[in-house]
Full PDB file with SEQRES, HELIX, SHEET, SSBOND, CRYST1, ORIGX, SCALE, CONECT and MASTER records, all heavy atoms in Angstrom:
SEQRES   1 A   32  VAL SER ILE ALA TYR GLN ALA SER ILE THR HIS LYS MET          
SEQRES   2 A   32  LEU ALA ASN GLU ASP PRO LYS ILE ALA PHE LEU SER PHE          
SEQRES   3 A   32  SER THR LYS GLY SER ALA                                      
HELIX    1 AA1 SER A    2  ALA A   15  1                                  14    
CRYST1    1.000    1.000    1.000  90.00  90.00  90.00 P 1           1          
ORIGX1      1.000000  0.000000  0.000000        0.00000                         
ORIGX2      0.000000  1.000000  0.000000        0.00000                         
ORIGX3      0.000000  0.000000  1.000000        0.00000                         
SCALE1      1.000000  0.000000  0.000000        0.00000                         
SCALE2      0.000000  1.000000  0.000000        0.00000                         
SCALE3      0.000000  0.000000  1.000000        0.00000                         
ATOM      1  N   VAL A   1      -7.490   5.194  -3.509  1.00  0.00           N  
ATOM      2  CA  VAL A   1      -8.452   5.055  -2.412  1.00  0.00           C  
ATOM      3  C   VAL A   1      -8.164   6.078  -1.319  1.00  0.00           C  
ATOM      4  O   VAL A   1      -9.062   6.769  -0.823  1.00  0.00           O  
ATOM      5  CB  VAL A   1      -8.419   3.628  -1.830  1.00  0.00           C  
ATOM      6  CG1 VAL A   1      -9.257   3.545  -0.556  1.00  0.00           C  
ATOM      7  CG2 VAL A   1      -8.937   2.621  -2.850  1.00  0.00           C  
ATOM      8  N   SER A   2      -6.889   6.184  -0.951  1.00  0.00           N  
ATOM      9  CA  SER A   2      -6.489   7.146   0.074  1.00  0.00           C  
ATOM     10  C   SER A   2      -6.755   8.579  -0.376  1.00  0.00           C  
ATOM     11  O   SER A   2      -7.270   9.407   0.392  1.00  0.00           O  
ATOM     12  CB  SER A   2      -5.004   6.965   0.399  1.00  0.00           C  
ATOM     13  OG  SER A   2      -4.550   7.951   1.304  1.00  0.00           O  
ATOM     14  N   ILE A   3      -6.410   8.886  -1.624  1.00  0.00           N  
ATOM     15  CA  ILE A   3      -6.627  10.227  -2.169  1.00  0.00           C  
ATOM     16  C   ILE A   3      -8.106  10.588  -2.150  1.00  0.00           C  
ATOM     17  O   ILE A   3      -8.497  11.693  -1.747  1.00  0.00           O  
ATOM     18  CB  ILE A   3      -6.073  10.317  -3.606  1.00  0.00           C  
ATOM     19  CG1 ILE A   3      -4.541  10.266  -3.588  1.00  0.00           C  
ATOM     20  CG2 ILE A   3      -6.553  11.588  -4.305  1.00  0.00           C  
ATOM     21  CD1 ILE A   3      -3.915  10.036  -4.947  1.00  0.00           C  
ATOM     22  N   ALA A   4      -8.951   9.648  -2.578  1.00  0.00           N  
ATOM     23  CA  ALA A   4     -10.396   9.898  -2.610  1.00  0.00           C  
ATOM     24  C   ALA A   4     -10.945  10.124  -1.208  1.00  0.00           C  
ATOM     25  O   ALA A   4     -11.767  11.023  -0.991  1.00  0.00           O  
ATOM     26  CB  ALA A   4     -11.103   8.727  -3.272  1.00  0.00           C  
ATOM     27  N   TYR A   5     -10.482   9.329  -0.267  1.00  0.00           N  
ATOM     28  CA  TYR A   5     -10.985   9.473   1.111  1.00  0.00           C  
ATOM     29  C   TYR A   5     -10.558  10.815   1.711  1.00  0.00           C  
ATOM     30  O   TYR A   5     -11.377  11.518   2.323  1.00  0.00           O  
ATOM     31  CB  TYR A   5     -10.486   8.328   1.979  1.00  0.00           C  
ATOM     32  CG  TYR A   5     -10.924   8.446   3.416  1.00  0.00           C  
ATOM     33  CD1 TYR A   5     -12.275   8.353   3.759  1.00  0.00           C  
ATOM     34  CD2 TYR A   5      -9.995   8.673   4.430  1.00  0.00           C  
ATOM     35  CE1 TYR A   5     -12.685   8.479   5.080  1.00  0.00           C  
ATOM     36  CE2 TYR A   5     -10.403   8.806   5.748  1.00  0.00           C  
ATOM     37  CZ  TYR A   5     -11.742   8.710   6.072  1.00  0.00           C  
ATOM     38  OH  TYR A   5     -12.153   8.846   7.379  1.00  0.00           O  
ATOM     39  N   GLN A   6      -9.278  11.169   1.536  1.00  0.00           N  
ATOM     40  CA  GLN A   6      -8.805  12.447   2.063  1.00  0.00           C  
ATOM     41  C   GLN A   6      -9.519  13.619   1.397  1.00  0.00           C  
ATOM     42  O   GLN A   6      -9.825  14.625   2.038  1.00  0.00           O  
ATOM     43  CB  GLN A   6      -7.290  12.563   1.882  1.00  0.00           C  
ATOM     44  CG  GLN A   6      -6.477  11.558   2.684  1.00  0.00           C  
ATOM     45  CD  GLN A   6      -6.699  11.664   4.177  1.00  0.00           C  
ATOM     46  OE1 GLN A   6      -6.937  12.754   4.711  1.00  0.00           O  
ATOM     47  NE2 GLN A   6      -6.645  10.540   4.868  1.00  0.00           N  
ATOM     48  N   ALA A   7      -9.801  13.477   0.100  1.00  0.00           N  
ATOM     49  CA  ALA A   7     -10.526  14.530  -0.613  1.00  0.00           C  
ATOM     50  C   ALA A   7     -11.944  14.672  -0.061  1.00  0.00           C  
ATOM     51  O   ALA A   7     -12.475  15.783   0.029  1.00  0.00           O  
ATOM     52  CB  ALA A   7     -10.574  14.225  -2.105  1.00  0.00           C  
ATOM     53  N   SER A   8     -12.556  13.547   0.310  1.00  0.00           N  
ATOM     54  CA  SER A   8     -13.914  13.607   0.873  1.00  0.00           C  
ATOM     55  C   SER A   8     -13.925  14.342   2.204  1.00  0.00           C  
ATOM     56  O   SER A   8     -14.851  15.113   2.494  1.00  0.00           O  
ATOM     57  CB  SER A   8     -14.476  12.188   1.049  1.00  0.00           C  
ATOM     58  OG  SER A   8     -13.869  11.503   2.126  1.00  0.00           O  
ATOM     59  N   ILE A   9     -12.877  14.126   3.001  1.00  0.00           N  
ATOM     60  CA  ILE A   9     -12.767  14.829   4.283  1.00  0.00           C  
ATOM     61  C   ILE A   9     -12.592  16.327   4.052  1.00  0.00           C  
ATOM     62  O   ILE A   9     -13.228  17.162   4.710  1.00  0.00           O  
ATOM     63  CB  ILE A   9     -11.584  14.274   5.097  1.00  0.00           C  
ATOM     64  CG1 ILE A   9     -11.861  12.825   5.505  1.00  0.00           C  
ATOM     65  CG2 ILE A   9     -11.332  15.131   6.335  1.00  0.00           C  
ATOM     66  CD1 ILE A   9     -10.688  12.169   6.203  1.00  0.00           C  
ATOM     67  N   THR A  10     -11.720  16.665   3.106  1.00  0.00           N  
ATOM     68  CA  THR A  10     -11.479  18.068   2.778  1.00  0.00           C  
ATOM     69  C   THR A  10     -12.750  18.743   2.284  1.00  0.00           C  
ATOM     70  O   THR A  10     -13.072  19.872   2.688  1.00  0.00           O  
ATOM     71  CB  THR A  10     -10.384  18.186   1.700  1.00  0.00           C  
ATOM     72  OG1 THR A  10      -9.169  17.620   2.207  1.00  0.00           O  
ATOM     73  CG2 THR A  10     -10.146  19.635   1.309  1.00  0.00           C  
ATOM     74  N   HIS A  11     -13.482  18.053   1.412  1.00  0.00           N  
ATOM     75  CA  HIS A  11     -14.710  18.632   0.869  1.00  0.00           C  
ATOM     76  C   HIS A  11     -15.742  18.867   1.968  1.00  0.00           C  
ATOM     77  O   HIS A  11     -16.379  19.926   2.011  1.00  0.00           O  
ATOM     78  CB  HIS A  11     -15.289  17.717  -0.209  1.00  0.00           C  
ATOM     79  CG  HIS A  11     -16.422  18.336  -0.959  1.00  0.00           C  
ATOM     80  ND1 HIS A  11     -16.236  19.151  -2.049  1.00  0.00           N  
ATOM     81  CD2 HIS A  11     -17.776  18.296  -0.755  1.00  0.00           C  
ATOM     82  CE1 HIS A  11     -17.416  19.570  -2.496  1.00  0.00           C  
ATOM     83  NE2 HIS A  11     -18.353  19.062  -1.727  1.00  0.00           N  
ATOM     84  N   LYS A  12     -15.888  17.910   2.840  1.00  0.00           N  
ATOM     85  CA  LYS A  12     -16.842  18.055   3.948  1.00  0.00           C  
ATOM     86  C   LYS A  12     -16.461  19.238   4.833  1.00  0.00           C  
ATOM     87  O   LYS A  12     -17.324  20.022   5.257  1.00  0.00           O  
ATOM     88  CB  LYS A  12     -16.857  16.768   4.776  1.00  0.00           C  
ATOM     89  CG  LYS A  12     -17.732  16.808   6.025  1.00  0.00           C  
ATOM     90  CD  LYS A  12     -19.202  16.871   5.691  1.00  0.00           C  
ATOM     91  CE  LYS A  12     -20.052  16.778   6.937  1.00  0.00           C  
ATOM     92  NZ  LYS A  12     -21.502  16.856   6.648  1.00  0.00           N  
ATOM     93  N   MET A  13     -15.177  19.388   5.084  1.00  0.00           N  
ATOM     94  CA  MET A  13     -14.689  20.463   5.946  1.00  0.00           C  
ATOM     95  C   MET A  13     -14.889  21.838   5.318  1.00  0.00           C  
ATOM     96  O   MET A  13     -15.298  22.789   5.988  1.00  0.00           O  
ATOM     97  CB  MET A  13     -13.216  20.234   6.253  1.00  0.00           C  
ATOM     98  CG  MET A  13     -12.560  21.322   7.097  1.00  0.00           C  
ATOM     99  SD  MET A  13     -10.829  20.964   7.476  1.00  0.00           S  
ATOM    100  CE  MET A  13     -10.112  20.972   5.817  1.00  0.00           C  
ATOM    101  N   LEU A  14     -14.608  21.948   4.006  1.00  0.00           N  
ATOM    102  CA  LEU A  14     -14.663  23.249   3.355  1.00  0.00           C  
ATOM    103  C   LEU A  14     -16.047  23.621   2.827  1.00  0.00           C  
ATOM    104  O   LEU A  14     -16.420  24.793   2.832  1.00  0.00           O  
ATOM    105  CB  LEU A  14     -13.660  23.285   2.192  1.00  0.00           C  
ATOM    106  CG  LEU A  14     -12.184  23.119   2.568  1.00  0.00           C  
ATOM    107  CD1 LEU A  14     -11.318  23.165   1.319  1.00  0.00           C  
ATOM    108  CD2 LEU A  14     -11.746  24.192   3.559  1.00  0.00           C  
ATOM    109  N   ALA A  15     -16.800  22.627   2.359  1.00  0.00           N  
ATOM    110  CA  ALA A  15     -18.110  22.909   1.753  1.00  0.00           C  
ATOM    111  C   ALA A  15     -19.264  22.713   2.713  1.00  0.00           C  
ATOM    112  O   ALA A  15     -20.385  23.146   2.440  1.00  0.00           O  
ATOM    113  CB  ALA A  15     -18.308  22.026   0.526  1.00  0.00           C  
ATOM    114  N   ASN A  16     -18.995  22.034   3.836  1.00  0.00           N  
ATOM    115  CA  ASN A  16     -20.046  21.747   4.816  1.00  0.00           C  
ATOM    116  C   ASN A  16     -21.202  20.968   4.169  1.00  0.00           C  
ATOM    117  O   ASN A  16     -22.373  21.230   4.425  1.00  0.00           O  
ATOM    118  CB  ASN A  16     -20.574  23.047   5.445  1.00  0.00           C  
ATOM    119  CG  ASN A  16     -21.435  22.776   6.679  1.00  0.00           C  
ATOM    120  OD1 ASN A  16     -21.181  21.815   7.407  1.00  0.00           O  
ATOM    121  ND2 ASN A  16     -22.437  23.607   6.902  1.00  0.00           N  
ATOM    122  N   GLU A  17     -20.838  20.006   3.330  1.00  0.00           N  
ATOM    123  CA  GLU A  17     -21.830  19.154   2.690  1.00  0.00           C  
ATOM    124  C   GLU A  17     -21.242  17.762   2.495  1.00  0.00           C  
ATOM    125  O   GLU A  17     -20.018  17.603   2.413  1.00  0.00           O  
ATOM    126  CB  GLU A  17     -22.255  19.734   1.340  1.00  0.00           C  
ATOM    127  CG  GLU A  17     -21.126  19.869   0.331  1.00  0.00           C  
ATOM    128  CD  GLU A  17     -21.547  20.569  -0.952  1.00  0.00           C  
ATOM    129  OE1 GLU A  17     -22.529  21.338  -0.920  1.00  0.00           O  
ATOM    130  OE2 GLU A  17     -20.880  20.343  -1.983  1.00  0.00           O  
ATOM    131  N   ASP A  18     -22.094  16.761   2.445  1.00  0.00           N  
ATOM    132  CA  ASP A  18     -21.630  15.388   2.273  1.00  0.00           C  
ATOM    133  C   ASP A  18     -21.032  15.211   0.884  1.00  0.00           C  
ATOM    134  O   ASP A  18     -21.658  15.571  -0.120  1.00  0.00           O  
ATOM    135  CB  ASP A  18     -22.773  14.397   2.480  1.00  0.00           C  
ATOM    136  CG  ASP A  18     -23.253  14.360   3.923  1.00  0.00           C  
ATOM    137  OD1 ASP A  18     -22.430  14.627   4.817  1.00  0.00           O  
ATOM    138  OD2 ASP A  18     -24.446  14.068   4.143  1.00  0.00           O  
ATOM    139  N   PRO A  19     -19.845  14.632   0.803  1.00  0.00           N  
ATOM    140  CA  PRO A  19     -19.193  14.466  -0.499  1.00  0.00           C  
ATOM    141  C   PRO A  19     -19.787  13.323  -1.316  1.00  0.00           C  
ATOM    142  O   PRO A  19     -20.326  12.363  -0.766  1.00  0.00           O  
ATOM    143  CB  PRO A  19     -17.747  14.151  -0.119  1.00  0.00           C  
ATOM    144  CG  PRO A  19     -17.871  13.459   1.209  1.00  0.00           C  
ATOM    145  CD  PRO A  19     -19.011  14.140   1.916  1.00  0.00           C  
ATOM    146  N   LYS A  20     -19.661  13.447  -2.623  1.00  0.00           N  
ATOM    147  CA  LYS A  20     -20.008  12.381  -3.557  1.00  0.00           C  
ATOM    148  C   LYS A  20     -18.783  12.182  -4.440  1.00  0.00           C  
ATOM    149  O   LYS A  20     -18.397  13.083  -5.189  1.00  0.00           O  
ATOM    150  CB  LYS A  20     -21.231  12.761  -4.397  1.00  0.00           C  
ATOM    151  CG  LYS A  20     -22.494  12.983  -3.576  1.00  0.00           C  
ATOM    152  CD  LYS A  20     -23.649  13.447  -4.458  1.00  0.00           C  
ATOM    153  CE  LYS A  20     -24.895  13.734  -3.630  1.00  0.00           C  
ATOM    154  NZ  LYS A  20     -26.008  14.242  -4.478  1.00  0.00           N  
ATOM    155  N   ILE A  21     -18.179  11.018  -4.359  1.00  0.00           N  
ATOM    156  CA  ILE A  21     -16.906  10.762  -5.011  1.00  0.00           C  
ATOM    157  C   ILE A  21     -17.093  10.185  -6.411  1.00  0.00           C  
ATOM    158  O   ILE A  21     -17.873   9.242  -6.613  1.00  0.00           O  
ATOM    159  CB  ILE A  21     -16.052   9.780  -4.188  1.00  0.00           C  
ATOM    160  CG1 ILE A  21     -15.837  10.317  -2.765  1.00  0.00           C  
ATOM    161  CG2 ILE A  21     -14.714   9.518  -4.878  1.00  0.00           C  
ATOM    162  CD1 ILE A  21     -15.035  11.582  -2.701  1.00  0.00           C  
ATOM    163  N   ALA A  22     -16.360  10.727  -7.379  1.00  0.00           N  
ATOM    164  CA  ALA A  22     -16.330  10.193  -8.737  1.00  0.00           C  
ATOM    165  C   ALA A  22     -14.889   9.858  -9.094  1.00  0.00           C  
ATOM    166  O   ALA A  22     -14.015  10.732  -9.051  1.00  0.00           O  
ATOM    167  CB  ALA A  22     -16.897  11.203  -9.728  1.00  0.00           C  
ATOM    168  N   PHE A  23     -14.611   8.614  -9.411  1.00  0.00           N  
ATOM    169  CA  PHE A  23     -13.292   8.192  -9.866  1.00  0.00           C  
ATOM    170  C   PHE A  23     -13.247   8.375 -11.382  1.00  0.00           C  
ATOM    171  O   PHE A  23     -13.961   7.695 -12.121  1.00  0.00           O  
ATOM    172  CB  PHE A  23     -13.039   6.731  -9.505  1.00  0.00           C  
ATOM    173  CG  PHE A  23     -12.808   6.494  -8.044  1.00  0.00           C  
ATOM    174  CD1 PHE A  23     -13.879   6.353  -7.171  1.00  0.00           C  
ATOM    175  CD2 PHE A  23     -11.515   6.419  -7.533  1.00  0.00           C  
ATOM    176  CE1 PHE A  23     -13.674   6.127  -5.814  1.00  0.00           C  
ATOM    177  CE2 PHE A  23     -11.293   6.201  -6.176  1.00  0.00           C  
ATOM    178  CZ  PHE A  23     -12.373   6.053  -5.312  1.00  0.00           C  
ATOM    179  N   LEU A  24     -12.414   9.286 -11.845  1.00  0.00           N  
ATOM    180  CA  LEU A  24     -12.415   9.667 -13.262  1.00  0.00           C  
ATOM    181  C   LEU A  24     -11.286   8.998 -14.040  1.00  0.00           C  
ATOM    182  O   LEU A  24     -10.189   8.799 -13.525  1.00  0.00           O  
ATOM    183  CB  LEU A  24     -12.285  11.183 -13.393  1.00  0.00           C  
ATOM    184  CG  LEU A  24     -13.340  12.031 -12.664  1.00  0.00           C  
ATOM    185  CD1 LEU A  24     -13.045  13.504 -12.877  1.00  0.00           C  
ATOM    186  CD2 LEU A  24     -14.735  11.684 -13.148  1.00  0.00           C  
ATOM    187  N   SER A  25     -11.575   8.664 -15.291  1.00  0.00           N  
ATOM    188  CA  SER A  25     -10.564   8.175 -16.219  1.00  0.00           C  
ATOM    189  C   SER A  25     -11.014   8.549 -17.626  1.00  0.00           C  
ATOM    190  O   SER A  25     -12.071   9.162 -17.811  1.00  0.00           O  
ATOM    191  CB  SER A  25     -10.393   6.653 -16.102  1.00  0.00           C  
ATOM    192  OG  SER A  25     -11.506   5.982 -16.685  1.00  0.00           O  
ATOM    193  N   PHE A  26     -10.228   8.160 -18.641  1.00  0.00           N  
ATOM    194  CA  PHE A  26     -10.618   8.473 -20.011  1.00  0.00           C  
ATOM    195  C   PHE A  26     -11.625   7.458 -20.559  1.00  0.00           C  
ATOM    196  O   PHE A  26     -12.065   7.559 -21.696  1.00  0.00           O  
ATOM    197  CB  PHE A  26      -9.394   8.524 -20.935  1.00  0.00           C  
ATOM    198  CG  PHE A  26      -8.574   7.265 -20.941  1.00  0.00           C  
ATOM    199  CD1 PHE A  26      -8.934   6.182 -21.721  1.00  0.00           C  
ATOM    200  CD2 PHE A  26      -7.437   7.164 -20.149  1.00  0.00           C  
ATOM    201  CE1 PHE A  26      -8.181   5.022 -21.729  1.00  0.00           C  
ATOM    202  CE2 PHE A  26      -6.669   6.011 -20.157  1.00  0.00           C  
ATOM    203  CZ  PHE A  26      -7.043   4.936 -20.940  1.00  0.00           C  
ATOM    204  N   SER A  27     -11.999   6.469 -19.726  1.00  0.00           N  
ATOM    205  CA  SER A  27     -12.962   5.448 -20.148  1.00  0.00           C  
ATOM    206  C   SER A  27     -14.325   5.720 -19.520  1.00  0.00           C  
ATOM    207  O   SER A  27     -14.418   6.061 -18.342  1.00  0.00           O  
ATOM    208  CB  SER A  27     -12.472   4.066 -19.725  1.00  0.00           C  
ATOM    209  OG  SER A  27     -13.466   3.091 -19.920  1.00  0.00           O  
ATOM    210  N   THR A  28     -15.369   5.592 -20.292  1.00  0.00           N  
ATOM    211  CA  THR A  28     -16.728   5.781 -19.791  1.00  0.00           C  
ATOM    212  C   THR A  28     -17.340   4.429 -19.445  1.00  0.00           C  
ATOM    213  O   THR A  28     -17.645   3.634 -20.333  1.00  0.00           O  
ATOM    214  CB  THR A  28     -17.614   6.479 -20.840  1.00  0.00           C  
ATOM    215  OG1 THR A  28     -17.009   7.709 -21.202  1.00  0.00           O  
ATOM    216  CG2 THR A  28     -19.010   6.731 -20.290  1.00  0.00           C  
ATOM    217  N   LYS A  29     -17.447   4.157 -18.145  1.00  0.00           N  
ATOM    218  CA  LYS A  29     -18.073   2.927 -17.671  1.00  0.00           C  
ATOM    219  C   LYS A  29     -17.484   1.674 -18.329  1.00  0.00           C  
ATOM    220  O   LYS A  29     -18.203   0.795 -18.817  1.00  0.00           O  
ATOM    221  CB  LYS A  29     -19.587   2.989 -17.899  1.00  0.00           C  
ATOM    222  CG  LYS A  29     -20.321   3.951 -16.976  1.00  0.00           C  
ATOM    223  CD  LYS A  29     -20.268   3.471 -15.535  1.00  0.00           C  
ATOM    224  CE  LYS A  29     -21.107   4.360 -14.626  1.00  0.00           C  
ATOM    225  NZ  LYS A  29     -21.054   3.898 -13.217  1.00  0.00           N  
ATOM    226  N   GLY A  30     -16.142   1.626 -18.408  1.00  0.00           N  
ATOM    227  CA  GLY A  30     -15.497   0.428 -18.931  1.00  0.00           C  
ATOM    228  C   GLY A  30     -15.449   0.324 -20.428  1.00  0.00           C  
ATOM    229  O   GLY A  30     -15.282  -0.777 -20.981  1.00  0.00           O  
ATOM    230  N   SER A  31     -15.563   1.440 -21.128  1.00  0.00           N  
ATOM    231  CA  SER A  31     -15.563   1.402 -22.595  1.00  0.00           C  
ATOM    232  C   SER A  31     -14.189   1.105 -23.175  1.00  0.00           C  
ATOM    233  O   SER A  31     -14.072   0.726 -24.336  1.00  0.00           O  
ATOM    234  CB  SER A  31     -16.071   2.741 -23.149  1.00  0.00           C  
ATOM    235  OG  SER A  31     -15.209   3.796 -22.762  1.00  0.00           O  
ATOM    236  N   ALA A  32     -13.124   1.272 -22.379  1.00  0.00           N  
ATOM    237  CA  ALA A  32     -11.767   1.006 -22.851  1.00  0.00           C  
ATOM    238  C   ALA A  32     -11.093  -0.022 -21.956  1.00  0.00           C  
ATOM    239  O   ALA A  32     -11.380  -0.116 -20.758  1.00  0.00           O  
ATOM    240  CB  ALA A  32     -10.955   2.294 -22.863  1.00  0.00           C  
TER     241      ALA A  32                                                      
MASTER        0    0    0    1    0    0    0    6  240    1    0    3          
END                                                                             
């Protein structure tokens, strides 16, 4: 949660655009 939030701040600062967060894993929508 902390990593995602800090990444959103970094993205906003560097890209000057609203971030869209994706939490990634090897499972697609709960397939595993």
